[in-house]
Amino acid sequence: MLLYSLYEVQRSALQPWRLLADQTQHWLRNPWNPWSYSPSGRMMAAACDVFEHATRRYGKPRFGIEEVEVDGRPVAIEEEHLGIRPFGRLKHFRRRLEHPRRDPRVLLIAPMSGHFATLLRGTVAALLADHEVFITDWRDAREVPLFEGDFDLDDYIDHLIDWLALLGPETHVIAVCQPSVPALAATALMEEDDHPARPASLTMMGGPIDTRIHPTAVNDFATSRPLAWFERNVITRVPPPNPGMGRRVYPGFLQLAGFMAMNLGSHVMKHYEFFQHLVEGDGESAEGTRAFYEEYRSVMDMTAEFYLQTIRRVFQEHHLPRGLFHHRDRPVRLQAIRRTPLFAVEGERDDISGPGQTKAALDLATGLPSDRKHHLLAAEVGHYGIFNGRRWREMISPQVKDFIRASR
């Protein structure tokens, strides 16, 4: 708890300075202030803006998708929730259509790896025009009281199976990054049980199915230290007065520090460019950077048991590709997947899940006919570009949509 408490003390100590910087930059930009027209005034205002933005504590962002174009006409979007559990719920982006459509139903599985489900805002927006979209909206472990119990990798799989049962048959699943592993395991279990709500198709995007293939810096870090090191150095307890006080977590602020450290030089340059855009009055470019980092810095705590199990079973011992993966003492047999079409989507420049790690799922599903296995290696695309941005919209999402429709 000491580590988390020290972080909270630091945030509290910075709060007066952040407020001062915020007020100063507004004062320096006031059109009645003659300094606002001077180069030094613009530089001081930009510096205060960057400082305030970098030290602010960001909560859970909104999806903010208010409408989508369907058949050339704007359609309002209404968010509703179902399958509510202590650690997550399903969010449904209901389209207010004048006439019903028989569009494919899609369950988008957001990663529980630090960021909120809103990181997939662009993924949702691209699918909404011609799909009925649901997303797993995971909850910040800091907000979950201890009496609600634990949440581990087995619980994650249970949630997916229960939510698929709630949505019913003919639900297509898209798993982004880390949930590719539990999604593939859940599919195998449901196939073996002949579950009526088994996925109609499973798309895995940049998932760590077999991290022995083209290991990245993330994979090397996870295997360079024993599990006890992670438990000793990155696990702490939530301090009061948070609702989840006393819960053992991998805190969001440590995850964010890790994200930033991976590409520190790039982040420094982006903040320098952000500063330059503010000085030059390039509002559009500055707002683009601001919006990106507001989302990037919005992080959530993960339960210690889920994080440590993922490190051990996925990254260190490679249970799934070695045939050792169990769900509540039941072996997960990937060869049981015989009907659910699989689509592995990878980025050529992915520095989190290297090329080949997701494709490994196709080789492991030995019971699935080859014509139900599909693979896409997106040229010049990094990890986040697989599911967000221009290449996702123009190159990847059309192929994902075609795969889903062909699987109906």
Protein backbone atom coordinates (compact mmCIF):
# COMPACT_ATOMS: atom_id res chain seq x y z
CA MET A 1 0.00 0.00 0.00
CA LEU A 2 3.00 2.28 0.56
CA LEU A 3 3.76 2.60 -3.16
CA TYR A 4 0.18 3.57 -3.98
CA SER A 5 0.03 5.98 -1.02
CA LEU A 6 3.25 7.68 -2.16
CA TYR A 7 1.73 8.10 -5.61
CA GLU A 8 -1.41 9.67 -4.12
CA VAL A 9 0.74 12.03 -2.02
CA GLN A 10 2.65 13.08 -5.12
CA ARG A 11 -0.59 13.77 -7.00
CA SER A 12 -1.89 15.82 -4.10
CA ALA A 13 1.37 17.79 -3.90
CA LEU A 14 1.18 18.61 -7.61
CA GLN A 15 -2.47 19.66 -7.48
CA PRO A 16 -1.87 23.32 -6.44
CA TRP A 17 0.83 23.70 -9.11
CA ARG A 18 -1.43 22.18 -11.75
CA LEU A 19 -4.24 24.56 -10.85
CA LEU A 20 -1.81 27.49 -10.91
CA ALA A 21 -0.53 26.46 -14.35
CA ASP A 22 -4.10 26.11 -15.62
CA GLN A 23 -5.10 29.57 -14.40
CA THR A 24 -1.86 31.07 -15.71
CA GLN A 25 -2.30 29.73 -19.23
CA HIS A 26 -5.87 31.06 -19.34
CA TRP A 27 -4.67 34.46 -18.12
CA LEU A 28 -1.86 34.54 -20.68
CA ARG A 29 -4.30 33.73 -23.48
CA ASN A 30 -6.85 36.37 -22.51
CA PRO A 31 -7.29 38.70 -25.52
CA TRP A 32 -7.31 41.69 -23.13
CA ASN A 33 -3.85 40.73 -21.89
CA PRO A 34 -1.17 42.39 -24.08
CA TRP A 35 1.27 39.58 -23.23
CA SER A 36 -0.95 37.13 -25.10
CA TYR A 37 0.28 38.69 -28.37
CA SER A 38 3.98 38.42 -27.51
CA PRO A 39 6.22 35.41 -28.35
CA SER A 40 7.22 35.04 -24.69
CA GLY A 41 3.58 35.11 -23.58
CA ARG A 42 2.62 32.41 -26.07
CA MET A 43 5.57 30.24 -24.98
CA MET A 44 4.72 30.61 -21.29
CA ALA A 45 1.05 29.81 -21.98
CA ALA A 46 2.03 26.73 -24.01
CA ALA A 47 4.41 25.52 -21.28
CA CYS A 48 1.71 25.89 -18.62
CA ASP A 49 -0.78 24.07 -20.85
CA VAL A 50 1.60 21.13 -21.42
CA PHE A 51 2.38 20.91 -17.67
CA GLU A 52 -1.29 20.96 -16.69
CA HIS A 53 -2.16 18.36 -19.28
CA ALA A 54 0.70 16.04 -18.30
CA THR A 55 -0.03 16.15 -14.53
CA ARG A 56 -3.82 15.88 -14.66
CA ARG A 57 -5.49 12.72 -13.36
CA TYR A 58 -7.73 11.25 -16.02
CA GLY A 59 -10.83 9.26 -15.21
CA LYS A 60 -12.76 6.91 -17.43
CA PRO A 61 -13.45 8.62 -20.79
CA ARG A 62 -16.78 8.60 -22.60
CA PHE A 63 -17.24 6.82 -25.89
CA GLY A 64 -19.04 9.88 -27.19
CA ILE A 65 -20.47 8.13 -30.27
CA GLU A 66 -23.75 9.96 -30.74
CA GLU A 67 -24.63 8.98 -34.29
CA VAL A 68 -23.50 6.84 -37.19
CA GLU A 69 -24.30 6.89 -40.88
CA VAL A 70 -26.36 3.91 -42.03
CA ASP A 71 -27.24 3.65 -45.72
CA GLY A 72 -26.30 7.30 -46.15
CA ARG A 73 -28.53 8.56 -43.34
CA PRO A 74 -27.54 9.64 -39.81
CA VAL A 75 -28.78 7.31 -37.08
CA ALA A 76 -28.69 8.20 -33.38
CA ILE A 77 -26.74 5.92 -31.01
CA GLU A 78 -27.99 5.12 -27.51
CA GLU A 79 -25.79 3.33 -24.97
CA GLU A 80 -27.39 0.69 -22.76
CA HIS A 81 -25.95 -1.83 -20.32
CA LEU A 82 -26.66 -5.49 -19.66
CA GLY A 83 -24.93 -8.47 -18.05
CA ILE A 84 -23.76 -6.24 -15.20
CA ARG A 85 -21.13 -7.83 -12.93
CA PRO A 86 -18.86 -6.33 -10.22
CA PHE A 87 -15.85 -6.28 -12.57
CA GLY A 88 -17.55 -5.52 -15.86
CA ARG A 89 -20.66 -5.23 -17.96
CA LEU A 90 -21.75 -5.37 -21.57
CA LYS A 91 -22.28 -2.05 -23.28
CA HIS A 92 -24.66 -2.08 -26.23
CA PHE A 93 -24.52 0.68 -28.82
CA ARG A 94 -28.16 0.58 -29.84
CA ARG A 95 -28.93 2.18 -33.18
CA ARG A 96 -32.22 4.06 -33.31
CA LEU A 97 -33.19 2.67 -36.71
CA GLU A 98 -36.51 3.46 -38.36
CA HIS A 99 -36.65 -0.03 -39.88
CA PRO A 100 -35.12 -3.21 -38.39
CA ARG A 101 -32.03 -4.65 -40.07
CA ARG A 102 -30.58 -8.16 -39.90
CA ASP A 103 -27.00 -7.02 -39.36
CA PRO A 104 -24.48 -9.38 -37.73
CA ARG A 105 -24.26 -9.19 -33.95
CA VAL A 106 -20.69 -8.54 -32.77
CA LEU A 107 -19.20 -8.89 -29.29
CA LEU A 108 -16.05 -6.77 -29.15
CA ILE A 109 -13.80 -7.95 -26.31
CA ALA A 110 -11.74 -5.06 -24.96
CA PRO A 111 -8.40 -5.83 -23.32
CA MET A 112 -8.03 -5.72 -19.57
CA SER A 113 -4.48 -4.45 -19.82
CA GLY A 114 -4.47 -0.97 -18.37
CA HIS A 115 -6.69 1.10 -20.64
CA PHE A 116 -10.46 1.38 -20.57
CA ALA A 117 -12.67 -0.05 -23.30
CA THR A 118 -12.86 3.45 -24.82
CA LEU A 119 -9.45 2.72 -26.38
CA LEU A 120 -11.54 0.83 -28.97
CA ARG A 121 -13.70 3.84 -29.81
CA GLY A 122 -12.47 3.81 -33.41
CA THR A 123 -13.08 0.07 -33.68
CA VAL A 124 -16.67 0.49 -32.52
CA ALA A 125 -17.30 3.46 -34.83
CA ALA A 126 -16.15 1.52 -37.89
CA LEU A 127 -18.38 -1.47 -37.09
CA LEU A 128 -21.57 0.36 -36.15
CA ALA A 129 -22.72 1.21 -39.66
CA ASP A 130 -23.45 -2.41 -40.52
CA HIS A 131 -23.26 -4.38 -37.26
CA GLU A 132 -25.08 -4.64 -33.95
CA VAL A 133 -22.19 -3.91 -31.59
CA PHE A 134 -21.63 -4.90 -27.94
CA ILE A 135 -18.40 -4.35 -26.01
CA THR A 136 -16.98 -5.67 -22.73
CA ASP A 137 -16.77 -2.63 -20.47
CA TRP A 138 -14.31 -3.67 -17.75
CA ARG A 139 -14.30 -1.87 -14.41
CA ASP A 140 -11.36 -0.24 -12.65
CA ALA A 141 -10.34 -2.67 -9.84
CA ARG A 142 -9.71 0.36 -7.62
CA GLU A 143 -13.48 0.95 -7.62
CA VAL A 144 -14.51 -2.62 -6.70
CA PRO A 145 -14.92 -3.27 -2.94
CA LEU A 146 -13.15 -6.27 -1.46
CA PHE A 147 -16.42 -8.02 -0.56
CA GLU A 148 -17.12 -8.45 -4.30
CA GLY A 149 -14.39 -11.13 -4.39
CA ASP A 150 -11.44 -11.75 -6.70
CA PHE A 151 -11.13 -11.70 -10.47
CA ASP A 152 -8.64 -13.92 -12.29
CA LEU A 153 -8.12 -15.42 -15.74
CA ASP A 154 -10.69 -18.17 -15.06
CA ASP A 155 -13.25 -15.53 -14.08
CA TYR A 156 -12.49 -13.67 -17.32
CA ILE A 157 -13.32 -16.78 -19.35
CA ASP A 158 -16.48 -17.36 -17.29
CA HIS A 159 -17.63 -13.80 -18.02
CA LEU A 160 -17.12 -14.29 -21.77
CA ILE A 161 -19.08 -17.56 -21.82
CA ASP A 162 -21.90 -16.09 -19.73
CA TRP A 163 -22.14 -12.96 -21.87
CA LEU A 164 -22.18 -15.00 -25.07
CA ALA A 165 -25.00 -17.09 -23.59
CA LEU A 166 -26.83 -13.85 -22.78
CA LEU A 167 -26.45 -12.54 -26.34
CA GLY A 168 -27.46 -15.86 -27.83
CA PRO A 169 -26.49 -17.83 -30.95
CA GLU A 170 -25.00 -16.22 -34.05
CA THR A 171 -22.83 -13.78 -32.13
CA HIS A 172 -19.50 -12.99 -33.76
CA VAL A 173 -16.54 -12.25 -31.49
CA ILE A 174 -13.66 -9.83 -32.05
CA ALA A 175 -10.89 -10.02 -29.43
CA VAL A 176 -8.36 -7.20 -29.42
CA CYS A 177 -4.86 -7.97 -28.12
CA GLN A 178 -4.68 -9.67 -24.67
CA PRO A 179 -8.24 -11.17 -24.67
CA SER A 180 -7.38 -13.26 -27.73
CA VAL A 181 -6.12 -15.91 -25.29
CA PRO A 182 -9.24 -16.19 -23.07
CA ALA A 183 -11.51 -15.75 -26.12
CA LEU A 184 -9.83 -18.66 -27.91
CA ALA A 185 -10.03 -20.76 -24.73
CA ALA A 186 -13.72 -19.92 -24.25
CA THR A 187 -14.41 -20.85 -27.88
CA ALA A 188 -12.72 -24.24 -27.43
CA LEU A 189 -14.68 -24.96 -24.25
CA MET A 190 -18.00 -23.97 -25.84
CA GLU A 191 -17.25 -26.01 -28.96
CA GLU A 192 -16.43 -29.08 -26.86
CA ASP A 193 -19.68 -28.64 -24.90
CA ASP A 194 -21.66 -28.05 -28.10
CA HIS A 195 -22.85 -24.81 -26.47
CA PRO A 196 -25.68 -23.25 -28.51
CA ALA A 197 -24.18 -19.77 -28.09
CA ARG A 198 -20.68 -20.65 -29.26
CA PRO A 199 -19.16 -17.82 -31.35
CA ALA A 200 -20.33 -17.72 -34.94
CA SER A 201 -16.78 -16.59 -35.73
CA LEU A 202 -13.72 -15.44 -33.81
CA THR A 203 -11.43 -12.65 -34.98
CA MET A 204 -8.20 -12.22 -32.99
CA MET A 205 -6.31 -8.98 -33.47
CA GLY A 206 -2.71 -8.68 -32.31
CA GLY A 207 -3.13 -11.35 -29.63
CA PRO A 208 -0.33 -13.07 -27.65
CA ILE A 209 -1.32 -16.66 -28.48
CA ASP A 210 2.30 -17.88 -28.68
CA THR A 211 4.77 -15.27 -27.49
CA ARG A 212 7.74 -17.51 -28.32
CA ILE A 213 7.32 -16.44 -31.95
CA HIS A 214 9.08 -13.17 -32.82
CA PRO A 215 9.21 -12.02 -29.18
CA THR A 216 8.97 -8.29 -28.57
CA ALA A 217 10.36 -6.08 -25.80
CA VAL A 218 7.13 -6.69 -23.87
CA ASN A 219 7.61 -10.46 -24.11
CA ASP A 220 11.28 -10.24 -23.16
CA PHE A 221 10.46 -8.14 -20.10
CA ALA A 222 7.84 -10.65 -18.93
CA THR A 223 10.32 -13.54 -19.17
CA SER A 224 13.42 -11.74 -17.88
CA ARG A 225 12.31 -11.89 -14.25
CA PRO A 226 10.69 -14.55 -12.06
CA LEU A 227 7.03 -14.22 -11.14
CA ALA A 228 8.02 -13.39 -7.56
CA TRP A 229 9.76 -10.23 -8.82
CA PHE A 230 6.52 -8.96 -10.37
CA GLU A 231 4.55 -9.78 -7.24
CA ARG A 232 7.11 -8.02 -5.07
CA ASN A 233 7.71 -4.92 -7.22
CA VAL A 234 4.54 -4.05 -9.13
CA ILE A 235 1.73 -5.37 -6.94
CA THR A 236 0.39 -3.09 -4.22
CA ARG A 237 -2.82 -2.47 -2.29
CA VAL A 238 -5.38 0.21 -3.03
CA PRO A 239 -5.25 2.85 -0.28
CA PRO A 240 -8.26 4.53 1.33
CA PRO A 241 -10.56 6.27 0.62
CA ASN A 242 -11.00 4.41 -2.69
CA PRO A 243 -13.93 1.92 -2.73
CA GLY A 244 -11.52 -0.93 -3.44
CA MET A 245 -9.18 -0.10 -0.57
CA GLY A 246 -7.15 -3.10 0.54
CA ARG A 247 -7.45 -4.90 -2.81
CA ARG A 248 -4.18 -6.14 -4.32
CA VAL A 249 -3.74 -4.60 -7.76
CA TYR A 250 -1.30 -3.83 -10.53
CA PRO A 251 -1.95 -0.07 -10.48
CA GLY A 252 -2.74 1.92 -13.59
CA PHE A 253 -0.05 4.51 -12.94
CA LEU A 254 2.66 1.82 -13.10
CA GLN A 255 1.18 0.46 -16.30
CA LEU A 256 1.20 3.95 -17.80
CA ALA A 257 4.85 4.40 -16.78
CA GLY A 258 5.64 1.15 -18.57
CA PHE A 259 3.75 2.20 -21.70
CA MET A 260 5.59 5.53 -21.79
CA ALA A 261 9.01 3.99 -21.10
CA MET A 262 8.68 1.61 -24.07
CA ASN A 263 8.79 4.54 -26.52
CA LEU A 264 10.06 7.36 -24.32
CA GLY A 265 11.84 9.21 -27.12
CA SER A 266 8.70 9.22 -29.26
CA HIS A 267 6.56 10.54 -26.39
CA VAL A 268 9.07 13.31 -25.63
CA MET A 269 9.03 14.39 -29.28
CA LYS A 270 5.24 14.34 -29.40
CA HIS A 271 5.06 16.57 -26.32
CA TYR A 272 7.62 18.93 -27.84
CA GLU A 273 5.56 19.07 -31.04
CA PHE A 274 2.46 19.64 -28.89
CA PHE A 275 4.24 22.60 -27.29
CA GLN A 276 5.27 23.94 -30.71
CA HIS A 277 1.72 23.66 -32.08
CA LEU A 278 0.40 25.61 -29.09
CA VAL A 279 3.02 28.35 -29.56
CA GLU A 280 2.27 28.60 -33.28
CA GLY A 281 -1.48 28.61 -32.74
CA ASP A 282 -1.99 25.39 -34.72
CA GLY A 283 -5.10 24.43 -32.76
CA GLU A 284 -6.09 21.45 -34.92
CA SER A 285 -2.75 19.65 -34.53
CA ALA A 286 -2.57 20.51 -30.81
CA GLU A 287 -6.07 19.18 -30.18
CA GLY A 288 -5.24 15.95 -31.97
CA THR A 289 -2.27 15.36 -29.66
CA ARG A 290 -4.28 16.44 -26.63
CA ALA A 291 -7.11 14.01 -27.42
CA PHE A 292 -4.67 11.14 -27.99
CA TYR A 293 -2.91 11.60 -24.64
CA GLU A 294 -6.12 12.14 -22.71
CA GLU A 295 -7.14 8.67 -23.84
CA TYR A 296 -3.64 7.23 -23.44
CA ARG A 297 -3.31 8.48 -19.86
CA SER A 298 -6.72 7.18 -18.82
CA VAL A 299 -5.69 3.95 -17.12
CA MET A 300 -7.29 1.48 -14.75
CA ASP A 301 -6.00 -0.86 -12.05
CA MET A 302 -5.98 -4.61 -12.68
CA THR A 303 -6.49 -7.22 -9.98
CA ALA A 304 -3.22 -8.80 -8.89
CA GLU A 305 -4.45 -12.34 -9.45
CA PHE A 306 -5.46 -11.65 -13.07
CA TYR A 307 -2.20 -9.86 -13.88
CA LEU A 308 0.06 -12.48 -12.28
CA GLN A 309 -1.79 -15.39 -13.89
CA THR A 310 -1.49 -13.72 -17.29
CA ILE A 311 2.24 -13.14 -16.83
CA ARG A 312 2.82 -16.76 -15.78
CA ARG A 313 0.41 -18.68 -18.00
CA VAL A 314 0.60 -16.59 -21.18
CA PHE A 315 4.06 -15.00 -21.28
CA GLN A 316 6.32 -17.17 -19.12
CA GLU A 317 5.03 -20.75 -19.40
CA HIS A 318 3.08 -20.49 -22.70
CA HIS A 319 0.28 -22.76 -21.53
CA LEU A 320 -2.01 -22.36 -24.54
CA PRO A 321 0.42 -23.29 -27.35
CA ARG A 322 1.96 -26.08 -25.23
CA GLY A 323 -1.45 -27.68 -24.56
CA LEU A 324 -1.20 -26.99 -20.81
CA PHE A 325 -3.95 -24.40 -20.47
CA HIS A 326 -6.66 -25.26 -17.94
CA HIS A 327 -9.89 -23.54 -17.01
CA ARG A 328 -10.84 -24.40 -13.43
CA ASP A 329 -8.88 -27.68 -13.61
CA ARG A 330 -10.45 -28.57 -16.96
CA PRO A 331 -8.02 -28.88 -19.89
CA VAL A 332 -8.65 -26.51 -22.79
CA ARG A 333 -8.40 -28.51 -26.02
CA LEU A 334 -7.96 -26.21 -29.02
CA GLN A 335 -8.43 -29.20 -31.34
CA ALA A 336 -12.07 -29.17 -30.17
CA ILE A 337 -12.65 -26.11 -32.36
CA ARG A 338 -14.23 -27.69 -35.45
CA ARG A 339 -16.89 -25.24 -36.63
CA THR A 340 -16.06 -21.68 -35.51
CA PRO A 341 -14.16 -19.84 -38.30
CA LEU A 342 -10.98 -18.13 -37.07
CA PHE A 343 -9.38 -14.94 -38.39
CA ALA A 344 -5.92 -13.86 -37.17
CA VAL A 345 -5.12 -10.20 -37.83
CA GLU A 346 -1.56 -9.01 -37.29
CA GLY A 347 0.46 -5.86 -37.90
CA GLU A 348 3.79 -6.03 -39.68
CA ARG A 349 5.26 -3.47 -37.26
CA ASP A 350 3.53 -4.64 -34.09
CA ASP A 351 5.97 -4.09 -31.22
CA ILE A 352 3.68 -5.62 -28.56
CA SER A 353 2.46 -8.88 -30.15
CA GLY A 354 4.97 -9.78 -32.83
CA PRO A 355 3.91 -11.11 -36.24
CA GLY A 356 3.15 -14.82 -36.03
CA GLN A 357 2.02 -14.81 -32.39
CA THR A 358 -1.67 -14.50 -33.33
CA LYS A 359 -1.42 -16.67 -36.44
CA ALA A 360 -0.27 -19.49 -34.16
CA ALA A 361 -3.91 -20.00 -33.16
CA LEU A 362 -4.69 -21.27 -36.66
CA ASP A 363 -2.02 -23.98 -36.42
CA LEU A 364 -3.14 -24.99 -32.91
CA ALA A 365 -6.78 -25.46 -34.00
CA THR A 366 -5.98 -28.75 -35.71
CA GLY A 367 -9.61 -29.87 -35.84
CA LEU A 368 -10.73 -26.88 -37.90
CA PRO A 369 -10.82 -27.22 -41.71
CA SER A 370 -8.29 -25.01 -43.50
CA ASP A 371 -11.01 -23.13 -45.40
CA ARG A 372 -12.24 -21.81 -42.03
CA LYS A 373 -8.85 -20.37 -41.11
CA HIS A 374 -7.91 -16.90 -42.31
CA HIS A 375 -4.89 -14.66 -41.75
CA LEU A 376 -4.08 -11.02 -42.49
CA LEU A 377 -0.65 -9.45 -42.05
CA ALA A 378 -1.25 -5.71 -42.44
CA ALA A 379 1.77 -4.07 -44.07
CA GLU A 380 3.41 -1.14 -42.25
CA VAL A 381 0.88 -1.31 -39.38
CA GLY A 382 1.81 -1.17 -35.68
CA HIS A 383 -0.11 -2.57 -32.75
CA TYR A 384 -2.65 0.22 -32.29
CA GLY A 385 -3.05 0.65 -36.03
CA ILE A 386 -4.59 -2.83 -36.23
CA PHE A 387 -7.80 -1.61 -34.59
CA ASN A 388 -7.68 2.20 -34.79
CA GLY A 389 -6.87 4.88 -37.31
CA ARG A 390 -6.88 5.20 -41.08
CA ARG A 391 -5.43 1.79 -41.96
CA TRP A 392 -7.96 0.10 -39.68
CA ARG A 393 -10.84 1.96 -41.33
CA GLU A 394 -9.66 1.65 -44.93
CA MET A 395 -7.74 -1.63 -45.07
CA ILE A 396 -8.42 -3.92 -42.11
CA SER A 397 -12.06 -3.36 -41.09
CA PRO A 398 -13.42 -4.12 -44.61
CA GLN A 399 -11.73 -7.53 -44.49
CA VAL A 400 -12.98 -8.20 -40.95
CA LYS A 401 -16.51 -7.31 -42.08
CA ASP A 402 -16.25 -9.58 -45.12
CA PHE A 403 -15.05 -12.43 -42.89
CA ILE A 404 -17.95 -11.96 -40.47
CA ARG A 405 -20.56 -11.91 -43.25
CA ALA A 406 -19.05 -14.97 -44.91
CA SER A 407 -19.28 -16.78 -41.55
CA ARG A 408 -23.03 -16.32 -41.13
